[in-house]
Structure formats: structure tokens, C-alpha cells
Amino acid sequence: MENETLINHEAPPFGKQMLSFVTSFGIQVFVNNMACISNEWKQYRFPKSKKKRIRKKWSKRNVNFRMQEVHKVIMLKAENKMYVSQKTFYKLEELPQA
């Protein structure tokens, strides 16, 4: 019975899963939200006018900006590893398999 419980715990955690199209190149995919998600200020309101002077004035106002989550991919070529966020990992899984 103890051997059965050990087998259940030997399953790789979520972050150790690898995608088939990436592993064909020898690259391992790891899920790490702490390293791959950051917040950035992005302008979400823009003026109707396309004049450079007015757009410049709008870009100076803090009211036109908000904080948005940015999901990044960290690639370590020397170690053949790729770190992605959980959201990016799900998008990669939805891609058609080659």
C-alpha cells in the first residue's frame, strides 16, 4: 500500500509539464507566475484628435493610464529552458500540435 501512495506523489507538478512542439527542440517549459507576471502602466484612453500636440498633452495626464498585467516569457538558451506564466501555458496548449 505504501508503494501505491508513493506512485501517486511521483506525478510531476504542474510547472514541470512540457509541451510536445517545444520538447521536440529539446526545450523544457516551466510554469512560474512569480517571475513571468509583472504590472505596467499602459495608456487606455486616447483623444479623438490625431494631432501630435494633443496626443502629447493626453500622455502627460495620469487619468488616461491604468495598471495592467503583463505576461512575459523568459527564455534561457544556455540551459534550454523556457519559463512562462500559467495563462501563457494554457494558450500554448491550445495551439494545434505539429
PDB file of N, CA and C in Angstrom:
ATOM      1  N   MET A   1       0.809  -1.204   0.000  1.00  0.00           N
ATOM      2  CA  MET A   1       0.000   0.000   0.000  1.00  0.00           C
ATOM      3  C   MET A   1       0.849   1.264   0.000  1.00  0.00           C
ATOM      4  N   GLU A   2       1.961   1.241   0.686  1.00  0.00           N
ATOM      5  CA  GLU A   2       2.816   2.419   0.715  1.00  0.00           C
ATOM      6  C   GLU A   2       3.373   2.726  -0.668  1.00  0.00           C
ATOM      7  N   ASN A   3       3.659   1.678  -1.450  1.00  0.00           N
ATOM      8  CA  ASN A   3       4.185   1.891  -2.793  1.00  0.00           C
ATOM      9  C   ASN A   3       3.158   2.605  -3.677  1.00  0.00           C
ATOM     10  N   GLU A   4       1.883   2.291  -3.501  1.00  0.00           N
ATOM     11  CA  GLU A   4       0.842   2.936  -4.304  1.00  0.00           C
ATOM     12  C   GLU A   4       0.762   4.431  -4.014  1.00  0.00           C
ATOM     13  N   THR A   5       0.881   4.811  -2.738  1.00  0.00           N
ATOM     14  CA  THR A   5       0.828   6.230  -2.414  1.00  0.00           C
ATOM     15  C   THR A   5       2.063   6.959  -2.941  1.00  0.00           C
ATOM     16  N   LEU A   6       3.224   6.296  -2.954  1.00  0.00           N
ATOM     17  CA  LEU A   6       4.415   6.922  -3.493  1.00  0.00           C
ATOM     18  C   LEU A   6       4.276   7.173  -4.995  1.00  0.00           C
ATOM     19  N   ILE A   7       3.641   6.237  -5.699  1.00  0.00           N
ATOM     20  CA  ILE A   7       3.462   6.413  -7.138  1.00  0.00           C
ATOM     21  C   ILE A   7       2.569   7.617  -7.411  1.00  0.00           C
ATOM     22  N   ASN A   8       1.537   7.816  -6.600  1.00  0.00           N
ATOM     23  CA  ASN A   8       0.662   8.965  -6.783  1.00  0.00           C
ATOM     24  C   ASN A   8       1.409  10.285  -6.572  1.00  0.00           C
ATOM     25  N   HIS A   9       2.363  10.310  -5.670  1.00  0.00           N
ATOM     26  CA  HIS A   9       3.094  11.536  -5.384  1.00  0.00           C
ATOM     27  C   HIS A   9       4.226  11.785  -6.382  1.00  0.00           C
ATOM     28  N   GLU A  10       4.597  10.764  -7.154  1.00  0.00           N
ATOM     29  CA  GLU A  10       5.681  10.930  -8.110  1.00  0.00           C
ATOM     30  C   GLU A  10       5.248  11.645  -9.381  1.00  0.00           C
ATOM     31  N   ALA A  11       3.958  11.894  -9.529  1.00  0.00           N
ATOM     32  CA  ALA A  11       3.490  12.616 -10.714  1.00  0.00           C
ATOM     33  C   ALA A  11       4.121  14.002 -10.720  1.00  0.00           C
ATOM     34  N   PRO A  12       4.603  14.459 -11.895  1.00  0.00           N
ATOM     35  CA  PRO A  12       5.270  15.770 -11.920  1.00  0.00           C
ATOM     36  C   PRO A  12       4.293  16.887 -11.608  1.00  0.00           C
ATOM     37  N   PRO A  13       4.730  17.903 -10.887  1.00  0.00           N
ATOM     38  CA  PRO A  13       3.844  19.030 -10.589  1.00  0.00           C
ATOM     39  C   PRO A  13       3.521  19.804 -11.861  1.00  0.00           C
ATOM     40  N   PHE A  14       2.566  20.705 -11.758  1.00  0.00           N
ATOM     41  CA  PHE A  14       2.077  21.447 -12.922  1.00  0.00           C
ATOM     42  C   PHE A  14       3.203  22.163 -13.645  1.00  0.00           C
ATOM     43  N   GLY A  15       4.144  22.738 -12.921  1.00  0.00           N
ATOM     44  CA  GLY A  15       5.222  23.503 -13.523  1.00  0.00           C
ATOM     45  C   GLY A  15       6.222  22.668 -14.308  1.00  0.00           C
ATOM     46  N   LYS A  16       6.209  21.365 -14.134  1.00  0.00           N
ATOM     47  CA  LYS A  16       7.171  20.503 -14.822  1.00  0.00           C
ATOM     48  C   LYS A  16       6.612  19.946 -16.139  1.00  0.00           C
ATOM     49  N   GLN A  17       5.370  20.262 -16.479  1.00  0.00           N
ATOM     50  CA  GLN A  17       4.792  19.743 -17.710  1.00  0.00           C
ATOM     51  C   GLN A  17       5.495  20.345 -18.912  1.00  0.00           C
ATOM     52  N   MET A  18       5.651  19.559 -19.964  1.00  0.00           N
ATOM     53  CA  MET A  18       6.312  20.040 -21.168  1.00  0.00           C
ATOM     54  C   MET A  18       5.382  19.893 -22.357  1.00  0.00           C
ATOM     55  N   LEU A  19       5.474  20.799 -23.295  1.00  0.00           N
ATOM     56  CA  LEU A  19       4.648  20.762 -24.487  1.00  0.00           C
ATOM     57  C   LEU A  19       5.390  20.017 -25.592  1.00  0.00           C
ATOM     58  N   SER A  20       4.635  19.293 -26.420  1.00  0.00           N
ATOM     59  CA  SER A  20       5.261  18.422 -27.403  1.00  0.00           C
ATOM     60  C   SER A  20       6.033  19.194 -28.472  1.00  0.00           C
ATOM     61  N   PHE A  21       5.477  20.313 -28.951  1.00  0.00           N
ATOM     62  CA  PHE A  21       6.175  21.032 -30.028  1.00  0.00           C
ATOM     63  C   PHE A  21       7.434  21.727 -29.543  1.00  0.00           C
ATOM     64  N   VAL A  22       7.498  22.064 -28.263  1.00  0.00           N
ATOM     65  CA  VAL A  22       8.694  22.707 -27.734  1.00  0.00           C
ATOM     66  C   VAL A  22       9.720  21.650 -27.345  1.00  0.00           C
ATOM     67  N   THR A  23       9.269  20.537 -26.799  1.00  0.00           N
ATOM     68  CA  THR A  23      10.204  19.498 -26.382  1.00  0.00           C
ATOM     69  C   THR A  23      10.848  18.825 -27.582  1.00  0.00           C
ATOM     70  N   SER A  24      10.266  18.932 -28.778  1.00  0.00           N
ATOM     71  CA  SER A  24      10.905  18.363 -29.956  1.00  0.00           C
ATOM     72  C   SER A  24      12.213  19.086 -30.259  1.00  0.00           C
ATOM     73  N   PHE A  25      12.338  20.341 -29.796  1.00  0.00           N
ATOM     74  CA  PHE A  25      13.583  21.088 -29.941  1.00  0.00           C
ATOM     75  C   PHE A  25      14.476  20.935 -28.717  1.00  0.00           C
ATOM     76  N   GLY A  26      14.056  20.181 -27.742  1.00  0.00           N
ATOM     77  CA  GLY A  26      14.850  19.965 -26.549  1.00  0.00           C
ATOM     78  C   GLY A  26      14.707  21.054 -25.512  1.00  0.00           C
ATOM     79  N   ILE A  27      13.638  21.861 -25.582  1.00  0.00           N
ATOM     80  CA  ILE A  27      13.425  22.956 -24.640  1.00  0.00           C
ATOM     81  C   ILE A  27      12.374  22.523 -23.618  1.00  0.00           C
ATOM     82  N   GLN A  28      12.682  22.696 -22.351  1.00  0.00           N
ATOM     83  CA  GLN A  28      11.747  22.368 -21.288  1.00  0.00           C
ATOM     84  C   GLN A  28      10.939  23.605 -20.940  1.00  0.00           C
ATOM     85  N   VAL A  29       9.637  23.408 -20.681  1.00  0.00           N
ATOM     86  CA  VAL A  29       8.751  24.518 -20.339  1.00  0.00           C
ATOM     87  C   VAL A  29       8.384  24.400 -18.865  1.00  0.00           C
ATOM     88  N   PHE A  30       8.611  25.485 -18.115  1.00  0.00           N
ATOM     89  CA  PHE A  30       8.270  25.528 -16.695  1.00  0.00           C
ATOM     90  C   PHE A  30       7.298  26.680 -16.451  1.00  0.00           C
ATOM     91  N   VAL A  31       6.317  26.453 -15.593  1.00  0.00           N
ATOM     92  CA  VAL A  31       5.344  27.485 -15.253  1.00  0.00           C
ATOM     93  C   VAL A  31       5.790  28.156 -13.958  1.00  0.00           C
ATOM     94  N   ASN A  32       5.970  29.488 -14.033  1.00  0.00           N
ATOM     95  CA  ASN A  32       6.404  30.245 -12.868  1.00  0.00           C
ATOM     96  C   ASN A  32       5.743  31.622 -12.932  1.00  0.00           C
ATOM     97  N   ASN A  33       4.665  31.796 -12.173  1.00  0.00           N
ATOM     98  CA  ASN A  33       3.934  33.065 -12.194  1.00  0.00           C
ATOM     99  C   ASN A  33       4.710  34.202 -11.542  1.00  0.00           C
ATOM    100  N   MET A  34       5.527  33.899 -10.556  1.00  0.00           N
ATOM    101  CA  MET A  34       6.246  34.955  -9.842  1.00  0.00           C
ATOM    102  C   MET A  34       7.247  35.676 -10.753  1.00  0.00           C
ATOM    103  N   ALA A  35       7.900  34.946 -11.620  1.00  0.00           N
ATOM    104  CA  ALA A  35       8.927  35.551 -12.468  1.00  0.00           C
ATOM    105  C   ALA A  35       8.351  36.122 -13.756  1.00  0.00           C
ATOM    106  N   CYS A  36       7.217  35.619 -14.208  1.00  0.00           N
ATOM    107  CA  CYS A  36       6.735  35.964 -15.553  1.00  0.00           C
ATOM    108  C   CYS A  36       5.598  36.977 -15.585  1.00  0.00           C
ATOM    109  N   ILE A  37       5.021  37.318 -14.458  1.00  0.00           N
ATOM    110  CA  ILE A  37       3.928  38.287 -14.454  1.00  0.00           C
ATOM    111  C   ILE A  37       4.415  39.573 -13.795  1.00  0.00           C
ATOM    112  N   SER A  38       4.231  40.671 -14.503  1.00  0.00           N
ATOM    113  CA  SER A  38       4.573  41.974 -13.941  1.00  0.00           C
ATOM    114  C   SER A  38       3.450  42.953 -14.287  1.00  0.00           C
ATOM    115  N   ASN A  39       3.480  44.098 -13.647  1.00  0.00           N
ATOM    116  CA  ASN A  39       2.477  45.132 -13.901  1.00  0.00           C
ATOM    117  C   ASN A  39       3.141  46.334 -14.543  1.00  0.00           C
ATOM    118  N   GLU A  40       2.464  46.903 -15.536  1.00  0.00           N
ATOM    119  CA  GLU A  40       2.980  48.078 -16.225  1.00  0.00           C
ATOM    120  C   GLU A  40       1.861  49.084 -16.416  1.00  0.00           C
ATOM    121  N   TRP A  41       2.245  50.362 -16.455  1.00  0.00           N
ATOM    122  CA  TRP A  41       1.286  51.417 -16.759  1.00  0.00           C
ATOM    123  C   TRP A  41       1.093  51.464 -18.263  1.00  0.00           C
ATOM    124  N   LYS A  42      -0.172  51.381 -18.716  1.00  0.00           N
ATOM    125  CA  LYS A  42      -0.471  51.472 -20.145  1.00  0.00           C
ATOM    126  C   LYS A  42      -1.576  52.488 -20.361  1.00  0.00           C
ATOM    127  N   GLN A  43      -1.436  53.264 -21.416  1.00  0.00           N
ATOM    128  CA  GLN A  43      -2.452  54.260 -21.735  1.00  0.00           C
ATOM    129  C   GLN A  43      -3.642  53.548 -22.365  1.00  0.00           C
ATOM    130  N   TYR A  44      -4.831  53.750 -21.790  1.00  0.00           N
ATOM    131  CA  TYR A  44      -6.021  53.096 -22.311  1.00  0.00           C
ATOM    132  C   TYR A  44      -7.030  54.089 -22.883  1.00  0.00           C
ATOM    133  N   ARG A  45      -6.850  55.373 -22.603  1.00  0.00           N
ATOM    134  CA  ARG A  45      -7.720  56.407 -23.185  1.00  0.00           C
ATOM    135  C   ARG A  45      -6.898  57.258 -24.132  1.00  0.00           C
ATOM    136  N   PHE A  46      -7.440  57.479 -25.308  1.00  0.00           N
ATOM    137  CA  PHE A  46      -6.744  58.280 -26.310  1.00  0.00           C
ATOM    138  C   PHE A  46      -7.692  59.346 -26.836  1.00  0.00           C
ATOM    139  N   PRO A  47      -7.156  60.495 -27.239  1.00  0.00           N
ATOM    140  CA  PRO A  47      -8.025  61.555 -27.771  1.00  0.00           C
ATOM    141  C   PRO A  47      -8.536  61.188 -29.162  1.00  0.00           C
ATOM    142  N   LYS A  48      -9.663  61.796 -29.549  1.00  0.00           N
ATOM    143  CA  LYS A  48     -10.197  61.572 -30.888  1.00  0.00           C
ATOM    144  C   LYS A  48      -9.306  62.226 -31.936  1.00  0.00           C
ATOM    145  N   SER A  49      -8.676  63.310 -31.551  1.00  0.00           N
ATOM    146  CA  SER A  49      -7.794  64.027 -32.463  1.00  0.00           C
ATOM    147  C   SER A  49      -6.495  63.251 -32.653  1.00  0.00           C
ATOM    148  N   LYS A  50      -5.960  63.288 -33.849  1.00  0.00           N
ATOM    149  CA  LYS A  50      -4.713  62.579 -34.133  1.00  0.00           C
ATOM    150  C   LYS A  50      -3.526  63.520 -34.196  1.00  0.00           C
ATOM    151  N   LYS A  51      -3.725  64.754 -33.771  1.00  0.00           N
ATOM    152  CA  LYS A  51      -2.635  65.721 -33.802  1.00  0.00           C
ATOM    153  C   LYS A  51      -1.607  65.395 -32.719  1.00  0.00           C
ATOM    154  N   LYS A  52      -0.344  65.542 -33.076  1.00  0.00           N
ATOM    155  CA  LYS A  52       0.755  65.190 -32.177  1.00  0.00           C
ATOM    156  C   LYS A  52       0.727  66.021 -30.892  1.00  0.00           C
ATOM    157  N   ARG A  53       0.417  67.287 -31.006  1.00  0.00           N
ATOM    158  CA  ARG A  53       0.409  68.179 -29.844  1.00  0.00           C
ATOM    159  C   ARG A  53      -0.637  67.740 -28.823  1.00  0.00           C
ATOM    160  N   ILE A  54      -1.818  67.385 -29.285  1.00  0.00           N
ATOM    161  CA  ILE A  54      -2.893  66.982 -28.365  1.00  0.00           C
ATOM    162  C   ILE A  54      -2.611  65.610 -27.771  1.00  0.00           C
ATOM    163  N   ARG A  55      -2.108  64.694 -28.558  1.00  0.00           N
ATOM    164  CA  ARG A  55      -1.748  63.371 -28.035  1.00  0.00           C
ATOM    165  C   ARG A  55      -0.659  63.478 -26.965  1.00  0.00           C
ATOM    166  N   LYS A  56       0.264  64.395 -27.150  1.00  0.00           N
ATOM    167  CA  LYS A  56       1.331  64.605 -26.173  1.00  0.00           C
ATOM    168  C   LYS A  56       0.759  65.109 -24.847  1.00  0.00           C
ATOM    169  N   LYS A  57      -0.235  66.006 -24.918  1.00  0.00           N
ATOM    170  CA  LYS A  57      -0.885  66.512 -23.698  1.00  0.00           C
ATOM    171  C   LYS A  57      -1.624  65.385 -22.977  1.00  0.00           C
ATOM    172  N   TRP A  58      -2.299  64.545 -23.740  1.00  0.00           N
ATOM    173  CA  TRP A  58      -3.031  63.432 -23.141  1.00  0.00           C
ATOM    174  C   TRP A  58      -2.093  62.440 -22.467  1.00  0.00           C
ATOM    175  N   SER A  59      -0.931  62.232 -23.051  1.00  0.00           N
ATOM    176  CA  SER A  59       0.003  61.256 -22.484  1.00  0.00           C
ATOM    177  C   SER A  59       0.613  61.732 -21.168  1.00  0.00           C
ATOM    178  N   LYS A  60       0.500  63.020 -20.867  1.00  0.00           N
ATOM    179  CA  LYS A  60       1.029  63.556 -19.614  1.00  0.00           C
ATOM    180  C   LYS A  60       0.048  63.422 -18.453  1.00  0.00           C
ATOM    181  N   ARG A  61      -1.217  63.149 -18.759  1.00  0.00           N
ATOM    182  CA  ARG A  61      -2.232  63.051 -17.706  1.00  0.00           C
ATOM    183  C   ARG A  61      -2.309  61.630 -17.170  1.00  0.00           C
ATOM    184  N   ASN A  62      -2.208  61.489 -15.860  1.00  0.00           N
ATOM    185  CA  ASN A  62      -2.255  60.171 -15.225  1.00  0.00           C
ATOM    186  C   ASN A  62      -3.629  59.520 -15.306  1.00  0.00           C
ATOM    187  N   VAL A  63      -4.663  60.315 -15.526  1.00  0.00           N
ATOM    188  CA  VAL A  63      -6.032  59.793 -15.589  1.00  0.00           C
ATOM    189  C   VAL A  63      -6.194  58.827 -16.774  1.00  0.00           C
ATOM    190  N   ASN A  64      -5.396  59.005 -17.807  1.00  0.00           N
ATOM    191  CA  ASN A  64      -5.518  58.215 -19.023  1.00  0.00           C
ATOM    192  C   ASN A  64      -4.749  56.894 -18.977  1.00  0.00           C
ATOM    193  N   PHE A  65      -4.133  56.604 -17.855  1.00  0.00           N
ATOM    194  CA  PHE A  65      -3.343  55.388 -17.709  1.00  0.00           C
ATOM    195  C   PHE A  65      -3.940  54.500 -16.637  1.00  0.00           C
ATOM    196  N   ARG A  66      -3.679  53.196 -16.768  1.00  0.00           N
ATOM    197  CA  ARG A  66      -4.031  52.254 -15.709  1.00  0.00           C
ATOM    198  C   ARG A  66      -3.009  51.113 -15.693  1.00  0.00           C
ATOM    199  N   MET A  67      -2.974  50.433 -14.562  1.00  0.00           N
ATOM    200  CA  MET A  67      -2.038  49.339 -14.369  1.00  0.00           C
ATOM    201  C   MET A  67      -2.613  48.076 -15.007  1.00  0.00           C
ATOM    202  N   GLN A  68      -1.812  47.407 -15.838  1.00  0.00           N
ATOM    203  CA  GLN A  68      -2.259  46.173 -16.484  1.00  0.00           C
ATOM    204  C   GLN A  68      -1.231  45.076 -16.254  1.00  0.00           C
ATOM    205  N   GLU A  69      -1.736  43.845 -16.172  1.00  0.00           N
ATOM    206  CA  GLU A  69      -0.872  42.688 -16.010  1.00  0.00           C
ATOM    207  C   GLU A  69      -0.209  42.350 -17.334  1.00  0.00           C
ATOM    208  N   VAL A  70       1.093  42.100 -17.299  1.00  0.00           N
ATOM    209  CA  VAL A  70       1.829  41.729 -18.500  1.00  0.00           C
ATOM    210  C   VAL A  70       2.433  40.347 -18.275  1.00  0.00           C
ATOM    211  N   HIS A  71       2.139  39.424 -19.179  1.00  0.00           N
ATOM    212  CA  HIS A  71       2.667  38.061 -19.093  1.00  0.00           C
ATOM    213  C   HIS A  71       3.869  37.945 -20.023  1.00  0.00           C
ATOM    214  N   LYS A  72       5.028  37.653 -19.443  1.00  0.00           N
ATOM    215  CA  LYS A  72       6.265  37.585 -20.209  1.00  0.00           C
ATOM    216  C   LYS A  72       6.746  36.143 -20.309  1.00  0.00           C
ATOM    217  N   VAL A  73       7.571  35.896 -21.291  1.00  0.00           N
ATOM    218  CA  VAL A  73       8.214  34.596 -21.469  1.00  0.00           C
ATOM    219  C   VAL A  73       9.710  34.796 -21.254  1.00  0.00           C
ATOM    220  N   ILE A  74      10.283  34.006 -20.348  1.00  0.00           N
ATOM    221  CA  ILE A  74      11.713  34.083 -20.073  1.00  0.00           C
ATOM    222  C   ILE A  74      12.370  32.859 -20.687  1.00  0.00           C
ATOM    223  N   MET A  75      13.319  33.101 -21.584  1.00  0.00           N
ATOM    224  CA  MET A  75      13.983  32.017 -22.301  1.00  0.00           C
ATOM    225  C   MET A  75      15.446  31.956 -21.884  1.00  0.00           C
ATOM    226  N   LEU A  76      15.879  30.805 -21.401  1.00  0.00           N
ATOM    227  CA  LEU A  76      17.286  30.584 -21.061  1.00  0.00           C
ATOM    228  C   LEU A  76      17.869  29.648 -22.110  1.00  0.00           C
ATOM    229  N   LYS A  77      18.538  30.209 -23.099  1.00  0.00           N
ATOM    230  CA  LYS A  77      19.036  29.414 -24.220  1.00  0.00           C
ATOM    231  C   LYS A  77      20.168  28.480 -23.808  1.00  0.00           C
ATOM    232  N   ALA A  78      21.010  28.912 -22.889  1.00  0.00           N
ATOM    233  CA  ALA A  78      22.137  28.085 -22.475  1.00  0.00           C
ATOM    234  C   ALA A  78      21.665  26.811 -21.768  1.00  0.00           C
ATOM    235  N   GLU A  79      20.572  26.921 -21.023  1.00  0.00           N
ATOM    236  CA  GLU A  79      20.058  25.778 -20.272  1.00  0.00           C
ATOM    237  C   GLU A  79      18.892  25.088 -20.984  1.00  0.00           C
ATOM    238  N   ASN A  80      18.456  25.603 -22.147  1.00  0.00           N
ATOM    239  CA  ASN A  80      17.312  25.064 -22.897  1.00  0.00           C
ATOM    240  C   ASN A  80      16.056  24.990 -22.035  1.00  0.00           C
ATOM    241  N   LYS A  81      15.763  26.095 -21.354  1.00  0.00           N
ATOM    242  CA  LYS A  81      14.573  26.177 -20.505  1.00  0.00           C
ATOM    243  C   LYS A  81      13.764  27.402 -20.892  1.00  0.00           C
ATOM    244  N   MET A  82      12.447  27.289 -20.746  1.00  0.00           N
ATOM    245  CA  MET A  82      11.554  28.403 -21.011  1.00  0.00           C
ATOM    246  C   MET A  82      10.585  28.514 -19.841  1.00  0.00           C
ATOM    247  N   TYR A  83      10.536  29.690 -19.222  1.00  0.00           N
ATOM    248  CA  TYR A  83       9.636  29.951 -18.106  1.00  0.00           C
ATOM    249  C   TYR A  83       8.475  30.794 -18.609  1.00  0.00           C
ATOM    250  N   VAL A  84       7.247  30.351 -18.344  1.00  0.00           N
ATOM    251  CA  VAL A  84       6.055  31.062 -18.785  1.00  0.00           C
ATOM    252  C   VAL A  84       5.087  31.171 -17.616  1.00  0.00           C
ATOM    253  N   SER A  85       4.127  32.091 -17.740  1.00  0.00           N
ATOM    254  CA  SER A  85       3.080  32.184 -16.730  1.00  0.00           C
ATOM    255  C   SER A  85       2.019  31.122 -17.016  1.00  0.00           C
ATOM    256  N   GLN A  86       1.142  30.911 -16.071  1.00  0.00           N
ATOM    257  CA  GLN A  86       0.108  29.885 -16.207  1.00  0.00           C
ATOM    258  C   GLN A  86      -0.838  30.215 -17.367  1.00  0.00           C
ATOM    259  N   LYS A  87      -1.172  31.478 -17.531  1.00  0.00           N
ATOM    260  CA  LYS A  87      -2.065  31.901 -18.607  1.00  0.00           C
ATOM    261  C   LYS A  87      -1.423  31.658 -19.979  1.00  0.00           C
ATOM    262  N   THR A  88      -0.138  31.964 -20.095  1.00  0.00           N
ATOM    263  CA  THR A  88       0.578  31.734 -21.345  1.00  0.00           C
ATOM    264  C   THR A  88       0.686  30.247 -21.636  1.00  0.00           C
ATOM    265  N   PHE A  89       0.875  29.437 -20.600  1.00  0.00           N
ATOM    266  CA  PHE A  89       0.977  27.990 -20.768  1.00  0.00           C
ATOM    267  C   PHE A  89      -0.314  27.429 -21.356  1.00  0.00           C
ATOM    268  N   TYR A  90      -1.469  27.900 -20.864  1.00  0.00           N
ATOM    269  CA  TYR A  90      -2.745  27.425 -21.403  1.00  0.00           C
ATOM    270  C   TYR A  90      -2.919  27.844 -22.861  1.00  0.00           C
ATOM    271  N   LYS A  91      -2.440  29.036 -23.221  1.00  0.00           N
ATOM    272  CA  LYS A  91      -2.522  29.470 -24.623  1.00  0.00           C
ATOM    273  C   LYS A  91      -1.636  28.600 -25.514  1.00  0.00           C
ATOM    274  N   LEU A  92      -0.474  28.216 -25.011  1.00  0.00           N
ATOM    275  CA  LEU A  92       0.421  27.335 -25.776  1.00  0.00           C
ATOM    276  C   LEU A  92      -0.192  25.959 -25.968  1.00  0.00           C
ATOM    277  N   GLU A  93      -0.902  25.469 -24.953  1.00  0.00           N
ATOM    278  CA  GLU A  93      -1.552  24.158 -25.059  1.00  0.00           C
ATOM    279  C   GLU A  93      -2.645  24.155 -26.102  1.00  0.00           C
ATOM    280  N   GLU A  94      -3.317  25.306 -26.301  1.00  0.00           N
ATOM    281  CA  GLU A  94      -4.431  25.367 -27.247  1.00  0.00           C
ATOM    282  C   GLU A  94      -3.957  25.402 -28.695  1.00  0.00           C
ATOM    283  N   LEU A  95      -2.663  25.690 -28.942  1.00  0.00           N
ATOM    284  CA  LEU A  95      -2.156  25.717 -30.303  1.00  0.00           C
ATOM    285  C   LEU A  95      -2.245  24.326 -30.927  1.00  0.00           C
ATOM    286  N   PRO A  96      -2.479  24.248 -32.235  1.00  0.00           N
ATOM    287  CA  PRO A  96      -2.542  22.932 -32.872  1.00  0.00           C
ATOM    288  C   PRO A  96      -1.180  22.228 -32.821  1.00  0.00           C
ATOM    289  N   GLN A  97      -1.219  20.941 -32.580  1.00  0.00           N
ATOM    290  CA  GLN A  97       0.018  20.166 -32.482  1.00  0.00           C
ATOM    291  C   GLN A  97       0.586  19.909 -33.865  1.00  0.00           C
ATOM    292  N   ALA A  98       1.894  20.026 -33.999  1.00  0.00           N
ATOM    293  CA  ALA A  98       2.546  19.829 -35.305  1.00  0.00           C
ATOM    294  C   ALA A  98       2.860  18.365 -35.530  1.00  0.00           C
TER     295      ALA A  98
END
